[in-house]
Protein backbone atom coordinates (compact mmCIF):
# COMPACT_ATOMS: atom_id res chain seq x y z
CA UNK A 1 -57.66 -54.58 -116.88
CA UNK A 2 -55.80 -51.59 -117.15
CA UNK A 3 -54.09 -50.25 -113.86
CA UNK A 4 -56.68 -47.26 -113.47
CA UNK A 5 -59.30 -50.32 -113.49
CA UNK A 6 -57.51 -52.75 -111.60
CA UNK A 7 -57.04 -49.17 -108.96
CA UNK A 8 -60.34 -48.70 -109.06
CA UNK A 9 -61.83 -51.93 -108.42
CA UNK A 10 -60.02 -52.09 -105.12
CA UNK A 11 -61.56 -48.39 -103.67
CA UNK A 12 -63.95 -47.96 -101.20
CA UNK A 13 -65.66 -44.66 -101.44
CA UNK A 14 -65.58 -43.00 -97.89
CA UNK A 15 -68.91 -41.78 -96.50
CA UNK A 16 -69.26 -37.81 -96.10
CA UNK A 17 -68.07 -36.48 -93.02
CA UNK A 18 -69.89 -33.57 -91.59
CA UNK A 19 -70.39 -32.07 -95.17
CA UNK A 20 -66.55 -32.03 -95.74
CA UNK A 21 -66.37 -34.44 -98.64
CA UNK A 22 -65.46 -33.05 -101.83
CA UNK A 23 -67.95 -33.21 -104.73
CA UNK A 24 -66.89 -36.39 -107.22
CA UNK A 25 -64.71 -35.34 -110.01
CA UNK A 26 -63.77 -37.51 -112.70
CA UNK A 27 -60.74 -39.98 -112.59
CA UNK A 28 -57.93 -38.75 -114.22
CA UNK A 29 -54.73 -40.41 -115.54
CA UNK A 30 -53.32 -37.46 -117.43
CA UNK A 31 -51.29 -34.95 -116.14
CA UNK A 32 -53.08 -32.31 -118.50
CA UNK A 33 -56.56 -32.64 -117.36
CA UNK A 34 -57.72 -30.38 -114.56
CA UNK A 35 -60.99 -30.12 -112.76
CA UNK A 36 -62.16 -27.63 -109.82
CA UNK A 37 -58.47 -25.87 -110.22
CA UNK A 38 -56.93 -29.17 -108.76
CA UNK A 39 -54.12 -30.28 -110.86
CA UNK A 40 -54.74 -33.57 -112.09
CA UNK A 41 -51.16 -35.08 -112.15
CA UNK A 42 -51.21 -35.41 -108.32
CA UNK A 43 -54.00 -37.94 -109.14
CA UNK A 44 -52.97 -40.05 -111.94
CA UNK A 45 -55.40 -43.07 -111.97
CA UNK A 46 -56.96 -42.55 -108.80
CA UNK A 47 -60.72 -41.86 -108.02
CA UNK A 48 -60.84 -38.71 -106.64
CA UNK A 49 -63.64 -39.81 -104.31
CA UNK A 50 -60.75 -40.62 -102.07
CA UNK A 51 -60.40 -36.54 -101.62
CA UNK A 52 -62.39 -36.02 -98.28
CA UNK A 53 -61.51 -32.18 -97.96
CA UNK A 54 -59.03 -29.42 -99.76
CA UNK A 55 -57.67 -27.07 -96.94
CA UNK A 56 -56.09 -23.68 -98.27
CA UNK A 57 -53.48 -21.81 -96.76
CA UNK A 58 -52.26 -18.37 -97.04
CA UNK A 59 -48.63 -17.28 -97.04
CA UNK A 60 -46.31 -18.43 -94.33
CA UNK A 61 -49.29 -19.69 -92.33
CA UNK A 62 -48.69 -22.94 -90.46
CA UNK A 63 -50.38 -26.10 -92.33
CA UNK A 64 -52.43 -27.39 -89.54
CA UNK A 65 -55.55 -29.26 -89.95
CA UNK A 66 -56.33 -30.76 -86.61
CA UNK A 67 -57.13 -34.24 -85.43
CA UNK A 68 -58.15 -36.45 -88.47
CA UNK A 69 -58.62 -40.65 -88.31
CA UNK A 70 -55.82 -42.49 -88.55
CA UNK A 71 -55.89 -43.71 -92.02
CA UNK A 72 -56.29 -39.90 -93.55
CA UNK A 73 -53.23 -38.99 -95.60
CA UNK A 74 -52.47 -35.52 -96.74
CA UNK A 75 -50.64 -34.12 -99.71
CA UNK A 76 -49.69 -30.84 -100.93
CA UNK A 77 -52.14 -30.11 -103.97
CA UNK A 78 -51.05 -26.55 -104.85
CA UNK A 79 -48.41 -23.82 -103.92
CA UNK A 80 -45.09 -24.82 -101.93
CA UNK A 81 -44.37 -25.15 -97.85
CA UNK A 82 -41.28 -25.91 -95.85
CA UNK A 83 -40.89 -27.28 -92.52
CA UNK A 84 -39.06 -24.88 -90.12
CA UNK A 85 -37.00 -24.86 -86.80
CA UNK A 86 -37.07 -21.96 -84.98
CA UNK A 87 -34.00 -21.60 -82.23
CA UNK A 88 -34.37 -19.83 -79.17
CA UNK A 89 -32.48 -16.90 -80.29
CA UNK A 90 -35.13 -16.52 -83.23
CA UNK A 91 -32.72 -17.97 -85.94
CA UNK A 92 -34.60 -20.09 -88.43
CA UNK A 93 -33.36 -23.26 -90.17
CA UNK A 94 -35.64 -24.54 -92.92
CA UNK A 95 -34.99 -28.61 -93.17
CA UNK A 96 -37.05 -29.34 -96.04
CA UNK A 97 -38.81 -28.00 -98.92
CA UNK A 98 -42.36 -29.04 -99.99
CA UNK A 99 -43.53 -29.03 -103.76
CA UNK A 100 -47.08 -29.87 -105.02
CA UNK A 101 -47.56 -33.87 -104.94
CA UNK A 102 -45.25 -34.45 -101.68
CA UNK A 103 -47.03 -36.10 -98.82
CA UNK A 104 -47.38 -34.05 -95.49
CA UNK A 105 -46.68 -36.48 -92.57
CA UNK A 106 -49.54 -36.32 -89.77
CA UNK A 107 -46.78 -35.59 -87.04
CA UNK A 108 -46.01 -32.25 -88.43
CA UNK A 109 -49.38 -30.59 -88.20
CA UNK A 110 -49.34 -30.93 -84.41
CA UNK A 111 -45.66 -29.34 -84.28
CA UNK A 112 -46.92 -26.37 -86.49
CA UNK A 113 -43.66 -26.97 -88.32
CA UNK A 114 -44.78 -27.04 -91.69
CA UNK A 115 -45.60 -23.18 -93.19
CA UNK A 116 -47.11 -22.40 -96.59
CA UNK A 117 -44.74 -20.85 -99.06
CA UNK A 118 -47.28 -18.71 -100.75
CA UNK A 119 -50.94 -19.77 -101.15
CA UNK A 120 -50.76 -23.36 -100.92
CA UNK A 121 -53.88 -26.11 -100.77
CA UNK A 122 -53.26 -29.53 -99.28
CA UNK A 123 -55.79 -32.45 -99.99
CA UNK A 124 -57.05 -34.66 -97.36
CA UNK A 125 -57.42 -38.23 -98.57
CA UNK A 126 -59.08 -41.30 -97.04
CA UNK A 127 -56.21 -43.90 -97.05
CA UNK A 128 -58.47 -46.04 -95.85
CA UNK A 129 -60.98 -46.32 -99.06
CA UNK A 130 -57.94 -48.23 -100.51
CA UNK A 131 -57.68 -52.12 -100.52
CA UNK A 132 -55.92 -55.00 -102.07
CA UNK A 133 -53.71 -53.86 -105.27
CA UNK A 134 -54.44 -50.40 -104.39
CA UNK A 135 -53.58 -50.23 -100.67
CA UNK A 136 -50.16 -52.23 -101.67
CA UNK A 137 -49.19 -49.60 -104.29
CA UNK A 138 -49.97 -46.52 -101.63
CA UNK A 139 -47.54 -48.45 -99.04
CA UNK A 140 -44.97 -48.37 -101.60
CA UNK A 141 -45.28 -45.02 -102.96
CA UNK A 142 -44.97 -43.59 -98.99
CA UNK A 143 -42.03 -45.84 -98.50
CA UNK A 144 -40.43 -44.35 -101.45
CA UNK A 145 -41.42 -40.98 -100.53
CA UNK A 146 -39.54 -41.62 -96.96
CA UNK A 147 -36.64 -42.91 -98.77
CA UNK A 148 -36.46 -39.79 -100.82
CA UNK A 149 -36.62 -37.68 -97.86
CA UNK A 150 -33.53 -38.79 -96.12
CA UNK A 151 -31.96 -38.90 -99.68
CA UNK A 152 -32.71 -35.08 -99.60
CA UNK A 153 -31.74 -34.67 -96.09
CA UNK A 154 -28.28 -36.24 -96.50
CA UNK A 155 -28.17 -33.81 -99.57
CA UNK A 156 -28.71 -31.07 -97.46
CA UNK A 157 -26.21 -32.00 -94.63
CA UNK A 158 -23.62 -32.57 -97.31
CA UNK A 159 -24.21 -29.05 -98.60
CA UNK A 160 -24.02 -27.53 -95.12
CA UNK A 161 -21.07 -29.30 -94.14
CA UNK A 162 -18.70 -29.47 -97.00
CA UNK A 163 -20.44 -27.32 -100.33
CA UNK A 164 -19.42 -23.40 -100.79
CA UNK A 165 -22.58 -21.24 -101.42
CA UNK A 166 -21.97 -21.45 -105.00
CA UNK A 167 -22.50 -25.38 -105.24
CA UNK A 168 -25.09 -25.35 -102.60
CA UNK A 169 -27.56 -23.07 -104.37
CA UNK A 170 -26.84 -24.93 -107.59
CA UNK A 171 -27.33 -28.11 -106.23
CA UNK A 172 -30.67 -26.98 -104.36
CA UNK A 173 -32.24 -25.85 -107.59
CA UNK A 174 -31.22 -29.07 -109.40
CA UNK A 175 -32.97 -31.15 -106.84
CA UNK A 176 -35.87 -28.66 -107.50
CA UNK A 177 -35.69 -28.75 -111.05
CA UNK A 178 -35.42 -33.01 -110.94
CA UNK A 179 -38.76 -33.27 -108.34
CA UNK A 180 -40.87 -30.79 -110.41
CA UNK A 181 -39.68 -32.02 -113.70
CA UNK A 182 -41.61 -35.67 -112.29
CA UNK A 183 -44.95 -33.98 -112.21
CA UNK A 184 -44.98 -31.88 -115.50
CA UNK A 185 -44.38 -28.52 -113.65
CA UNK A 186 -41.08 -27.51 -115.96
CA UNK A 187 -42.18 -25.17 -118.37
CA UNK A 188 -39.02 -25.16 -120.96
CA UNK A 189 -35.99 -23.88 -118.94
CA UNK A 190 -38.81 -22.36 -116.09
CA UNK A 191 -40.49 -23.39 -113.16
CA UNK A 192 -42.39 -21.29 -110.63
CA UNK A 193 -40.44 -20.71 -107.69
CA UNK A 194 -42.06 -18.86 -104.67
CA UNK A 195 -38.82 -19.44 -102.57
CA UNK A 196 -37.25 -15.66 -101.42
CA UNK A 197 -33.68 -15.17 -101.07
CA UNK A 198 -34.27 -14.84 -97.07
CA UNK A 199 -35.70 -18.77 -97.40
CA UNK A 200 -32.93 -20.12 -99.60
CA UNK A 201 -30.31 -18.63 -97.22
CA UNK A 202 -32.35 -20.62 -94.09
CA UNK A 203 -32.28 -23.64 -96.39
CA UNK A 204 -28.89 -23.70 -97.26
CA UNK A 205 -27.28 -21.89 -93.70
CA UNK A 206 -26.25 -18.98 -95.26
CA UNK A 207 -27.04 -15.14 -94.98
CA UNK A 208 -29.31 -13.43 -97.66
CA UNK A 209 -26.88 -11.14 -98.26
CA UNK A 210 -24.42 -13.99 -99.42
CA UNK A 211 -27.19 -15.58 -101.27
CA UNK A 212 -27.94 -12.49 -103.26
CA UNK A 213 -24.08 -11.84 -103.96
CA UNK A 214 -23.88 -16.01 -105.21
CA UNK A 215 -27.00 -15.73 -107.17
CA UNK A 216 -25.87 -12.50 -109.04
CA UNK A 217 -22.86 -14.74 -110.11
CA UNK A 218 -24.78 -17.90 -111.08
CA UNK A 219 -26.78 -15.59 -113.40
CA UNK A 220 -23.60 -13.94 -114.75
CA UNK A 221 -22.14 -17.43 -115.24
CA UNK A 222 -25.52 -18.34 -117.71
CA UNK A 223 -26.36 -20.76 -115.16
CA UNK A 224 -29.64 -19.84 -112.98
CA UNK A 225 -31.75 -16.83 -112.63
CA UNK A 226 -34.03 -16.39 -109.64
CA UNK A 227 -36.55 -13.52 -110.28
CA UNK A 228 -39.97 -12.85 -108.64
CA UNK A 229 -41.49 -16.20 -107.88
CA UNK A 230 -39.87 -18.22 -110.96
CA UNK A 231 -36.46 -20.04 -111.77
CA UNK A 232 -34.76 -19.87 -114.96
CA UNK A 233 -32.29 -22.71 -115.78
CA UNK A 234 -30.77 -22.34 -119.68
CA UNK A 235 -29.10 -25.56 -119.46
CA UNK A 236 -30.05 -28.02 -116.87
CA UNK A 237 -27.11 -30.04 -117.51
CA UNK A 238 -24.67 -27.26 -116.76
CA UNK A 239 -26.13 -26.61 -113.73
CA UNK A 240 -26.30 -30.22 -112.77
CA UNK A 241 -22.60 -30.34 -113.55
CA UNK A 242 -21.72 -27.02 -111.46
CA UNK A 243 -23.75 -28.59 -108.68
CA UNK A 244 -22.08 -31.92 -108.81
CA UNK A 245 -25.70 -33.55 -108.99
CA UNK A 246 -26.67 -36.92 -110.60
CA UNK A 247 -30.36 -36.98 -111.15
CA UNK A 248 -30.39 -40.74 -111.89
CA UNK A 249 -27.69 -41.29 -108.59
CA UNK A 250 -29.96 -39.37 -106.47
CA UNK A 251 -32.78 -41.04 -107.63
CA UNK A 252 -34.95 -37.45 -108.15
CA UNK A 253 -36.03 -39.05 -111.61
CA UNK A 254 -39.12 -40.72 -112.68
CA UNK A 255 -40.38 -42.81 -109.97
CA UNK A 256 -40.66 -46.41 -111.00
CA UNK A 257 -43.89 -48.35 -110.08
CA UNK A 258 -47.33 -47.23 -109.77
CA UNK A 259 -48.59 -44.25 -107.83
CA UNK A 260 -52.11 -44.73 -106.82
CA UNK A 261 -52.69 -41.06 -105.99
């Protein structure tokens, strides 16, 4: 029995909820397959019947989908998002950047901390329809996601406390490259990047002016060019060296184990 067959043998199809259940889509096991505008690399080997609802959000709109059953799980399907904290004086700190495929904890919805970065779509999945092997695989994936989030937060803390502006920016984009490369979203030397310079500044605790000057320097060095909604990295090895970034040590490379989603 293949992994796909084992997975589907342990799926209980969710019932329709108020007409929100998505139309059935074919099971996909390849990154290159797409259906209904949904990139299938976020559902390798899983039954699309897990999808209960797809919700679309506009640029800078809080990602809030309202109360959902405890067994529901949300995942960013298309577009980017970020988590922010607004201080009383109006200053903002972006604490995390989410890319397609990332899980969105349900606790974030009530606090309205997760904001769409450009147009974004969120899948609401029925976690309760998985049993046996598939349910265990999902729990493993969620644990890995939590570990990865902690690693990224630690890396961000080190950037804020000890790295200079050049290394902070280089490290952030080396991390984004590694995360997007896992799902095949890096095309050659380029990947889509909706982050503005102001948002990069709020991720890294810099001013937009400082970010702009540093990006010009990185571009002149042939390390990174951030243009309108895309990032160009001519040599990822050189950028990683400049950032002191090791994809294997920081475990941003291809995840081990079976991803049921």
